[in-house]
Structure formats: C-alpha cells, structure tokens
Amino acid sequence: MKKMAMMAMLLCFALALTAQNEDYMNMKQFDVKSGKIEYKIEGKTKGTKTLWFDDYGRYQYEHTVTTTKMFGMTSKEEHLKIRDKEWAYDINLIEKTGTKMRLEQANEVLNTVTDATTDAQLKKFGEDVQKDMEIKDGGVETLLGRSCKVTISTKLNSKHWEYKRIPLKITVDFGGILGSTNEEAVSFDENISVPASQFKVPQGITIEEIDMNKINGLMGVQDDEE
C-alpha cells in the first residue's frame, strides 16, 4: 500500500513536470511568491487547515486539524506537512510520528521516468489522465476577490477552484454515508513576509526516512508491502 501511494504521488509530480518542463525541486509550485491561507473544512469531516508558503511554494507548511463523526463515533486527526528545498515531511501530530522524503531522490526517480519518454508521450499521458477522470473546464469564478480557474471531474464528482495554481476551494461528493466534503479558503494574505522558522519541524517527533532507492516494485513490480 505504501508503494502504491508513492507511485500515485510520483505520477502527480510527473504531470507537473510535463506542464512545466523542469525539475520538481526547482519548479514553482504557485504563481504567488508567498502567503498565508486559512481554510474551513465542512462535511462528515469538519475542521481547519492553514497553509503558509514562500519562494513560490518551494517552502510550505500545512497544518490540518479535523474531527470526523461516523457511526456514533468521533475521531480527531491533526497533521502537518512541511516542504523545504531538501525534504518533504508528513507528520501525525497526535501520534508524534512522521516520515520524510529527500526531494533530490524523488527528483531522480521522476527524471528517470521523463527521460525514458518523449514529449509527445508525456503530453498524451496527461491527456489520457484527464480523459479517464472526465475532467473538463468549468470556466472562471471569483473567490475572496480573486479570479479562479474552475475544473470539474464528473467521474470523481469533484469541483476545483484554483488561483494562480493555488487551490482555494475543493468540493467532492463521495455519495452514500460519506456524503460530500467542502474545503474552502476563508482568508488569504498574499505576498507577505514569512519567517524561515515557520518551516521548521517541531521537536519531539519521531521521523522515519523514506529511501526512494529501496522502494522495490515502484515501477510495476507487485506491491507486497502493507
């Protein structure tokens, strides 16, 4: 399961590389230099998310606190994702554990994938993903006074609002007992000064490193790791 999740993440990175034709480590994630965004999460899962970013998203700090009520039970989660120019961290603040991945290794894997394919093949791959997910243009809408590009996936029952490549709102209808979820920005401070200390990993967290060179089966071998 870990390998499948990693492969999905790499495919997303590969799509980004296809669009921008540059290394993941160096490419701009957003078209805004810095900012702080507060989100509200509604649905079966309720909560908040705060995103700080700098250097066009090459530095990110995403703190999410949620509560889910289902079958008469309530569960709380608190997660932290941090990215700097060397590492990407995924931290469970309740369990005080997490993982880190060296971006240089992820970049090498992605370069291996992209170097083995032509520009035409990468373009077709992106087009095929859009077709499979039934993605279409939803026009332009305004959120927090900002003009957002809207994308709709009829297969996933989702709608995505994006401002300069920054997601400001996402809605997904899972159907059944899961119902729908809505994550929407309620405030956005744009092009602000963000201290370097904002992107530091908290103390007291046990971090396990994900070694990309040791993930066997990543490119098609049977995933036998739960």
C-alpha atoms as a PDB file:
ATOM      1  CA  MET A   1       0.000   0.000   0.000  1.00  0.00           C
ATOM      2  CA  LYS A   2       2.849   2.394   0.758  1.00  0.00           C
ATOM      3  CA  LYS A   3       4.332   1.756  -2.662  1.00  0.00           C
ATOM      4  CA  MET A   4       1.007   2.362  -4.391  1.00  0.00           C
ATOM      5  CA  ALA A   5       0.619   5.679  -2.575  1.00  0.00           C
ATOM      6  CA  MET A   6       4.157   6.669  -3.514  1.00  0.00           C
ATOM      7  CA  MET A   7       3.555   5.816  -7.164  1.00  0.00           C
ATOM      8  CA  ALA A   8       0.399   7.920  -7.218  1.00  0.00           C
ATOM      9  CA  MET A   9       2.345  10.839  -5.786  1.00  0.00           C
ATOM     10  CA  LEU A  10       5.080  10.421  -8.384  1.00  0.00           C
ATOM     11  CA  LEU A  11       2.530  10.376 -11.194  1.00  0.00           C
ATOM     12  CA  CYS A  12       1.177  13.695  -9.935  1.00  0.00           C
ATOM     13  CA  PHE A  13       4.702  15.098  -9.898  1.00  0.00           C
ATOM     14  CA  ALA A  14       5.275  13.766 -13.417  1.00  0.00           C
ATOM     15  CA  LEU A  15       2.183  15.585 -14.648  1.00  0.00           C
ATOM     16  CA  ALA A  16       3.511  18.782 -13.100  1.00  0.00           C
ATOM     17  CA  LEU A  17       6.846  18.256 -14.807  1.00  0.00           C
ATOM     18  CA  THR A  18       5.061  17.673 -18.106  1.00  0.00           C
ATOM     19  CA  ALA A  19       3.308  21.001 -17.754  1.00  0.00           C
ATOM     20  CA  GLN A  20       6.394  22.997 -16.791  1.00  0.00           C
ATOM     21  CA  ASN A  21       9.279  21.039 -18.339  1.00  0.00           C
ATOM     22  CA  GLU A  22      11.604  21.466 -15.346  1.00  0.00           C
ATOM     23  CA  ASP A  23      12.819  19.615 -12.270  1.00  0.00           C
ATOM     24  CA  TYR A  24      10.373  19.209  -9.400  1.00  0.00           C
ATOM     25  CA  MET A  25      12.901  20.554  -6.883  1.00  0.00           C
ATOM     26  CA  ASN A  26      13.304  23.846  -8.735  1.00  0.00           C
ATOM     27  CA  MET A  27       9.949  24.491 -10.330  1.00  0.00           C
ATOM     28  CA  LYS A  28       7.464  26.988  -8.935  1.00  0.00           C
ATOM     29  CA  GLN A  29       4.548  25.316  -7.188  1.00  0.00           C
ATOM     30  CA  PHE A  30       2.475  28.519  -7.220  1.00  0.00           C
ATOM     31  CA  ASP A  31       2.465  31.754  -9.183  1.00  0.00           C
ATOM     32  CA  VAL A  32       2.400  33.809  -5.967  1.00  0.00           C
ATOM     33  CA  LYS A  33       5.652  34.376  -4.071  1.00  0.00           C
ATOM     34  CA  SER A  34       4.365  33.953  -0.510  1.00  0.00           C
ATOM     35  CA  GLY A  35       1.243  33.849   1.583  1.00  0.00           C
ATOM     36  CA  LYS A  36      -0.911  32.503   4.392  1.00  0.00           C
ATOM     37  CA  ILE A  37      -4.274  30.872   3.670  1.00  0.00           C
ATOM     38  CA  GLU A  38      -6.900  29.761   6.197  1.00  0.00           C
ATOM     39  CA  TYR A  39      -9.344  27.064   5.055  1.00  0.00           C
ATOM     40  CA  LYS A  40     -12.593  25.775   6.538  1.00  0.00           C
ATOM     41  CA  ILE A  41     -13.454  22.088   6.068  1.00  0.00           C
ATOM     42  CA  GLU A  42     -17.121  21.011   6.146  1.00  0.00           C
ATOM     43  CA  GLY A  43     -18.996  17.729   5.678  1.00  0.00           C
ATOM     44  CA  LYS A  44     -18.748  14.475   7.623  1.00  0.00           C
ATOM     45  CA  THR A  45     -15.258  15.673   8.412  1.00  0.00           C
ATOM     46  CA  LYS A  46     -15.054  19.186   9.849  1.00  0.00           C
ATOM     47  CA  GLY A  47     -12.042  21.257  10.697  1.00  0.00           C
ATOM     48  CA  THR A  48      -9.498  23.825   9.631  1.00  0.00           C
ATOM     49  CA  LYS A  49      -6.357  23.978   7.547  1.00  0.00           C
ATOM     50  CA  THR A  50      -3.660  26.637   7.489  1.00  0.00           C
ATOM     51  CA  LEU A  51      -1.149  26.908   4.651  1.00  0.00           C
ATOM     52  CA  TRP A  52       1.969  29.069   4.844  1.00  0.00           C
ATOM     53  CA  PHE A  53       4.230  29.229   1.783  1.00  0.00           C
ATOM     54  CA  ASP A  54       7.239  31.114   0.477  1.00  0.00           C
ATOM     55  CA  ASP A  55       9.516  31.176  -2.590  1.00  0.00           C
ATOM     56  CA  TYR A  56       6.572  30.356  -4.878  1.00  0.00           C
ATOM     57  CA  GLY A  57       5.700  27.226  -2.882  1.00  0.00           C
ATOM     58  CA  ARG A  58       9.181  25.762  -2.688  1.00  0.00           C
ATOM     59  CA  TYR A  59       8.688  26.178   1.068  1.00  0.00           C
ATOM     60  CA  GLN A  60       5.352  25.048   2.531  1.00  0.00           C
ATOM     61  CA  TYR A  61       3.844  24.484   5.978  1.00  0.00           C
ATOM     62  CA  GLU A  62       0.360  22.931   6.012  1.00  0.00           C
ATOM     63  CA  HIS A  63      -1.370  22.316   9.373  1.00  0.00           C
ATOM     64  CA  THR A  64      -4.701  20.457   9.357  1.00  0.00           C
ATOM     65  CA  VAL A  65      -6.989  19.711  12.317  1.00  0.00           C
ATOM     66  CA  THR A  66     -10.150  17.676  11.664  1.00  0.00           C
ATOM     67  CA  THR A  67     -12.916  15.868  13.517  1.00  0.00           C
ATOM     68  CA  THR A  68     -14.942  13.095  11.886  1.00  0.00           C
ATOM     69  CA  LYS A  69     -18.251  11.753  13.227  1.00  0.00           C
ATOM     70  CA  MET A  70     -19.450   8.421  11.864  1.00  0.00           C
ATOM     71  CA  PHE A  71     -21.457   5.508  13.270  1.00  0.00           C
ATOM     72  CA  GLY A  72     -21.796   7.323  16.581  1.00  0.00           C
ATOM     73  CA  MET A  73     -18.043   7.636  16.995  1.00  0.00           C
ATOM     74  CA  THR A  74     -15.854  10.734  16.840  1.00  0.00           C
ATOM     75  CA  SER A  75     -12.227  10.708  15.751  1.00  0.00           C
ATOM     76  CA  LYS A  76      -9.794  13.603  15.724  1.00  0.00           C
ATOM     77  CA  GLU A  77      -6.745  13.993  13.487  1.00  0.00           C
ATOM     78  CA  GLU A  78      -4.004  16.585  13.406  1.00  0.00           C
ATOM     79  CA  HIS A  79      -1.457  16.519  10.603  1.00  0.00           C
ATOM     80  CA  LEU A  80       1.442  18.640   9.480  1.00  0.00           C
ATOM     81  CA  LYS A  81       3.073  18.693   6.042  1.00  0.00           C
ATOM     82  CA  ILE A  82       6.298  20.615   5.579  1.00  0.00           C
ATOM     83  CA  ARG A  83       8.364  21.095   2.472  1.00  0.00           C
ATOM     84  CA  ASP A  84      11.693  22.878   2.184  1.00  0.00           C
ATOM     85  CA  LYS A  85      14.316  22.741  -0.549  1.00  0.00           C
ATOM     86  CA  GLU A  86      15.695  19.415   0.685  1.00  0.00           C
ATOM     87  CA  TRP A  87      12.923  17.421   2.385  1.00  0.00           C
ATOM     88  CA  ALA A  88       9.175  16.756   2.309  1.00  0.00           C
ATOM     89  CA  TYR A  89       7.710  15.820   5.703  1.00  0.00           C
ATOM     90  CA  ASP A  90       4.374  14.205   6.606  1.00  0.00           C
ATOM     91  CA  ILE A  91       3.733  14.297  10.364  1.00  0.00           C
ATOM     92  CA  ASN A  92       0.998  12.932  12.628  1.00  0.00           C
ATOM     93  CA  LEU A  93       0.948  15.433  15.493  1.00  0.00           C
ATOM     94  CA  ILE A  94      -1.253  13.256  17.714  1.00  0.00           C
ATOM     95  CA  GLU A  95       0.991  10.200  17.485  1.00  0.00           C
ATOM     96  CA  LYS A  96       4.105  12.400  17.186  1.00  0.00           C
ATOM     97  CA  THR A  97       5.452  10.315  14.314  1.00  0.00           C
ATOM     98  CA  GLY A  98       6.149  11.098  10.707  1.00  0.00           C
ATOM     99  CA  THR A  99       8.076  10.420   7.526  1.00  0.00           C
ATOM    100  CA  LYS A 100      10.461  12.448   5.434  1.00  0.00           C
ATOM    101  CA  MET A 101      11.468  12.052   1.795  1.00  0.00           C
ATOM    102  CA  ARG A 102      14.561  13.588   0.232  1.00  0.00           C
ATOM    103  CA  LEU A 103      13.400  15.690  -2.709  1.00  0.00           C
ATOM    104  CA  GLU A 104      16.604  15.025  -4.605  1.00  0.00           C
ATOM    105  CA  GLN A 105      15.809  11.289  -4.668  1.00  0.00           C
ATOM    106  CA  ALA A 106      12.234  11.902  -5.807  1.00  0.00           C
ATOM    107  CA  ASN A 107      13.618  14.192  -8.488  1.00  0.00           C
ATOM    108  CA  GLU A 108      15.971  11.459  -9.728  1.00  0.00           C
ATOM    109  CA  VAL A 109      13.108   8.960  -9.998  1.00  0.00           C
ATOM    110  CA  LEU A 110      10.995  11.471 -11.893  1.00  0.00           C
ATOM    111  CA  ASN A 111      13.843  12.297 -14.239  1.00  0.00           C
ATOM    112  CA  THR A 112      14.239   8.586 -14.944  1.00  0.00           C
ATOM    113  CA  VAL A 113      10.570   8.414 -15.899  1.00  0.00           C
ATOM    114  CA  THR A 114      10.577  11.552 -18.031  1.00  0.00           C
ATOM    115  CA  ASP A 115      13.922  10.789 -19.709  1.00  0.00           C
ATOM    116  CA  ALA A 116      12.557   7.438 -20.890  1.00  0.00           C
ATOM    117  CA  THR A 117       9.619   9.072 -22.672  1.00  0.00           C
ATOM    118  CA  THR A 118       9.234  11.638 -25.423  1.00  0.00           C
ATOM    119  CA  ASP A 119       7.464  14.975 -25.019  1.00  0.00           C
ATOM    120  CA  ALA A 120       4.653  13.605 -27.180  1.00  0.00           C
ATOM    121  CA  GLN A 121       4.252  10.572 -24.898  1.00  0.00           C
ATOM    122  CA  LEU A 122       4.183  12.745 -21.774  1.00  0.00           C
ATOM    123  CA  LYS A 123       1.593  15.006 -23.380  1.00  0.00           C
ATOM    124  CA  LYS A 124      -0.549  12.012 -24.301  1.00  0.00           C
ATOM    125  CA  PHE A 125      -0.205  10.650 -20.759  1.00  0.00           C
ATOM    126  CA  GLY A 126      -1.566  13.905 -19.354  1.00  0.00           C
ATOM    127  CA  GLU A 127      -4.405  13.926 -21.881  1.00  0.00           C
ATOM    128  CA  ASP A 128      -5.270  10.298 -21.057  1.00  0.00           C
ATOM    129  CA  VAL A 129      -5.435  11.068 -17.326  1.00  0.00           C
ATOM    130  CA  GLN A 130      -7.779  13.986 -17.996  1.00  0.00           C
ATOM    131  CA  LYS A 131      -9.957  11.774 -20.192  1.00  0.00           C
ATOM    132  CA  ASP A 132     -10.069   8.927 -17.665  1.00  0.00           C
ATOM    133  CA  MET A 133     -11.017  11.303 -14.853  1.00  0.00           C
ATOM    134  CA  GLU A 134     -13.559  13.040 -17.110  1.00  0.00           C
ATOM    135  CA  ILE A 135     -12.007  16.433 -16.391  1.00  0.00           C
ATOM    136  CA  LYS A 136     -13.473  19.499 -18.054  1.00  0.00           C
ATOM    137  CA  ASP A 137     -13.182  23.269 -17.916  1.00  0.00           C
ATOM    138  CA  GLY A 138     -15.672  24.864 -15.538  1.00  0.00           C
ATOM    139  CA  GLY A 139     -14.995  28.455 -16.513  1.00  0.00           C
ATOM    140  CA  VAL A 140     -13.977  31.246 -14.135  1.00  0.00           C
ATOM    141  CA  GLU A 141     -15.449  32.186 -10.737  1.00  0.00           C
ATOM    142  CA  THR A 142     -14.463  34.686  -8.049  1.00  0.00           C
ATOM    143  CA  LEU A 143     -13.418  33.671  -4.522  1.00  0.00           C
ATOM    144  CA  LEU A 144     -12.052  36.091  -1.918  1.00  0.00           C
ATOM    145  CA  GLY A 145     -11.950  38.734  -4.638  1.00  0.00           C
ATOM    146  CA  ARG A 146      -9.687  36.578  -6.823  1.00  0.00           C
ATOM    147  CA  SER A 147     -10.426  35.193 -10.265  1.00  0.00           C
ATOM    148  CA  CYS A 148     -10.225  31.387 -10.094  1.00  0.00           C
ATOM    149  CA  LYS A 149      -9.997  28.797 -12.833  1.00  0.00           C
ATOM    150  CA  VAL A 150     -12.624  26.114 -12.216  1.00  0.00           C
ATOM    151  CA  THR A 151     -12.060  22.456 -13.104  1.00  0.00           C
ATOM    152  CA  ILE A 152     -14.732  19.748 -12.869  1.00  0.00           C
ATOM    153  CA  SER A 153     -14.294  15.971 -12.746  1.00  0.00           C
ATOM    154  CA  THR A 154     -17.595  14.249 -13.418  1.00  0.00           C
ATOM    155  CA  LYS A 155     -16.071  10.848 -12.635  1.00  0.00           C
ATOM    156  CA  LEU A 156     -14.892  11.940  -9.183  1.00  0.00           C
ATOM    157  CA  ASN A 157     -17.902  14.201  -8.559  1.00  0.00           C
ATOM    158  CA  SER A 158     -15.477  16.977  -7.714  1.00  0.00           C
ATOM    159  CA  LYS A 159     -15.007  20.663  -8.444  1.00  0.00           C
ATOM    160  CA  HIS A 160     -11.761  22.566  -8.024  1.00  0.00           C
ATOM    161  CA  TRP A 161     -11.171  26.336  -7.819  1.00  0.00           C
ATOM    162  CA  GLU A 162      -7.586  27.466  -8.475  1.00  0.00           C
ATOM    163  CA  TYR A 163      -5.998  30.912  -8.250  1.00  0.00           C
ATOM    164  CA  LYS A 164      -2.538  31.176  -9.825  1.00  0.00           C
ATOM    165  CA  ARG A 165      -2.148  27.411  -9.283  1.00  0.00           C
ATOM    166  CA  ILE A 166      -3.160  27.723  -5.611  1.00  0.00           C
ATOM    167  CA  PRO A 167      -6.264  25.694  -4.641  1.00  0.00           C
ATOM    168  CA  LEU A 168      -8.799  27.958  -2.923  1.00  0.00           C
ATOM    169  CA  LYS A 169     -11.756  25.587  -2.873  1.00  0.00           C
ATOM    170  CA  ILE A 170     -12.385  21.873  -3.439  1.00  0.00           C
ATOM    171  CA  THR A 171     -15.710  20.059  -3.261  1.00  0.00           C
ATOM    172  CA  VAL A 172     -16.152  16.293  -3.568  1.00  0.00           C
ATOM    173  CA  ASP A 173     -19.343  14.239  -3.360  1.00  0.00           C
ATOM    174  CA  PHE A 174     -18.450  10.696  -2.298  1.00  0.00           C
ATOM    175  CA  GLY A 175     -22.081   9.578  -2.120  1.00  0.00           C
ATOM    176  CA  GLY A 176     -23.564   7.158   0.404  1.00  0.00           C
ATOM    177  CA  ILE A 177     -22.720   7.513   4.075  1.00  0.00           C
ATOM    178  CA  LEU A 178     -19.609   9.556   3.309  1.00  0.00           C
ATOM    179  CA  GLY A 179     -21.641  12.312   1.698  1.00  0.00           C
ATOM    180  CA  SER A 180     -19.895  15.425   0.419  1.00  0.00           C
ATOM    181  CA  THR A 181     -16.950  17.436   1.673  1.00  0.00           C
ATOM    182  CA  ASN A 182     -16.062  21.072   1.123  1.00  0.00           C
ATOM    183  CA  GLU A 183     -12.692  22.726   1.724  1.00  0.00           C
ATOM    184  CA  GLU A 184     -12.710  26.463   1.119  1.00  0.00           C
ATOM    185  CA  ALA A 185     -10.331  29.336   1.809  1.00  0.00           C
ATOM    186  CA  VAL A 186     -11.825  31.906   4.177  1.00  0.00           C
ATOM    187  CA  SER A 187      -8.827  34.272   4.264  1.00  0.00           C
ATOM    188  CA  PHE A 188      -5.730  34.827   2.123  1.00  0.00           C
ATOM    189  CA  ASP A 189      -2.815  37.112   2.951  1.00  0.00           C
ATOM    190  CA  GLU A 190      -0.828  37.370  -0.269  1.00  0.00           C
ATOM    191  CA  ASN A 191       2.854  38.291  -0.805  1.00  0.00           C
ATOM    192  CA  ILE A 192       3.707  38.647   2.866  1.00  0.00           C
ATOM    193  CA  SER A 193       6.953  38.240   4.798  1.00  0.00           C
ATOM    194  CA  VAL A 194       7.198  34.677   6.164  1.00  0.00           C
ATOM    195  CA  PRO A 195       9.973  33.869   8.690  1.00  0.00           C
ATOM    196  CA  ALA A 196      12.219  30.885   7.912  1.00  0.00           C
ATOM    197  CA  SER A 197      11.342  29.450  11.335  1.00  0.00           C
ATOM    198  CA  GLN A 198       7.793  28.798  10.067  1.00  0.00           C
ATOM    199  CA  PHE A 199       9.081  25.804   8.071  1.00  0.00           C
ATOM    200  CA  LYS A 200      10.884  24.029  10.918  1.00  0.00           C
ATOM    201  CA  VAL A 201       9.842  20.530  12.096  1.00  0.00           C
ATOM    202  CA  PRO A 202       8.531  20.586  15.697  1.00  0.00           C
ATOM    203  CA  GLN A 203      10.630  18.979  18.397  1.00  0.00           C
ATOM    204  CA  GLY A 204       9.672  15.618  19.880  1.00  0.00           C
ATOM    205  CA  ILE A 205       8.625  13.980  16.587  1.00  0.00           C
ATOM    206  CA  THR A 206       9.962  10.539  15.590  1.00  0.00           C
ATOM    207  CA  ILE A 207      10.767  10.790  11.890  1.00  0.00           C
ATOM    208  CA  GLU A 208      11.360   7.819   9.561  1.00  0.00           C
ATOM    209  CA  GLU A 209      13.113   8.481   6.265  1.00  0.00           C
ATOM    210  CA  ILE A 210      11.628   7.066   3.062  1.00  0.00           C
ATOM    211  CA  ASP A 211      14.513   5.870   0.905  1.00  0.00           C
ATOM    212  CA  MET A 212      13.353   6.014  -2.706  1.00  0.00           C
ATOM    213  CA  ASN A 213      16.252   3.767  -3.757  1.00  0.00           C
ATOM    214  CA  LYS A 214      14.915   0.955  -1.574  1.00  0.00           C
ATOM    215  CA  ILE A 215      11.317   1.011  -2.773  1.00  0.00           C
ATOM    216  CA  ASN A 216      11.213  -2.121  -4.912  1.00  0.00           C
ATOM    217  CA  GLY A 217       8.331  -2.636  -7.283  1.00  0.00           C
ATOM    218  CA  LEU A 218       7.735   1.074  -7.719  1.00  0.00           C
ATOM    219  CA  MET A 219       7.671   0.785 -11.480  1.00  0.00           C
ATOM    220  CA  GLY A 220       5.360  -2.192 -11.872  1.00  0.00           C
ATOM    221  CA  VAL A 221       6.625  -4.943  -9.559  1.00  0.00           C
ATOM    222  CA  GLN A 222       3.940  -6.465  -7.318  1.00  0.00           C
ATOM    223  CA  ASP A 223       3.193  -4.345  -4.287  1.00  0.00           C
ATOM    224  CA  ASP A 224       3.646  -6.710  -1.360  1.00  0.00           C
ATOM    225  CA  GLU A 225       4.104  -4.158   1.395  1.00  0.00           C
ATOM    226  CA  GLU A 226       1.118  -3.249   3.532  1.00  0.00           C
END
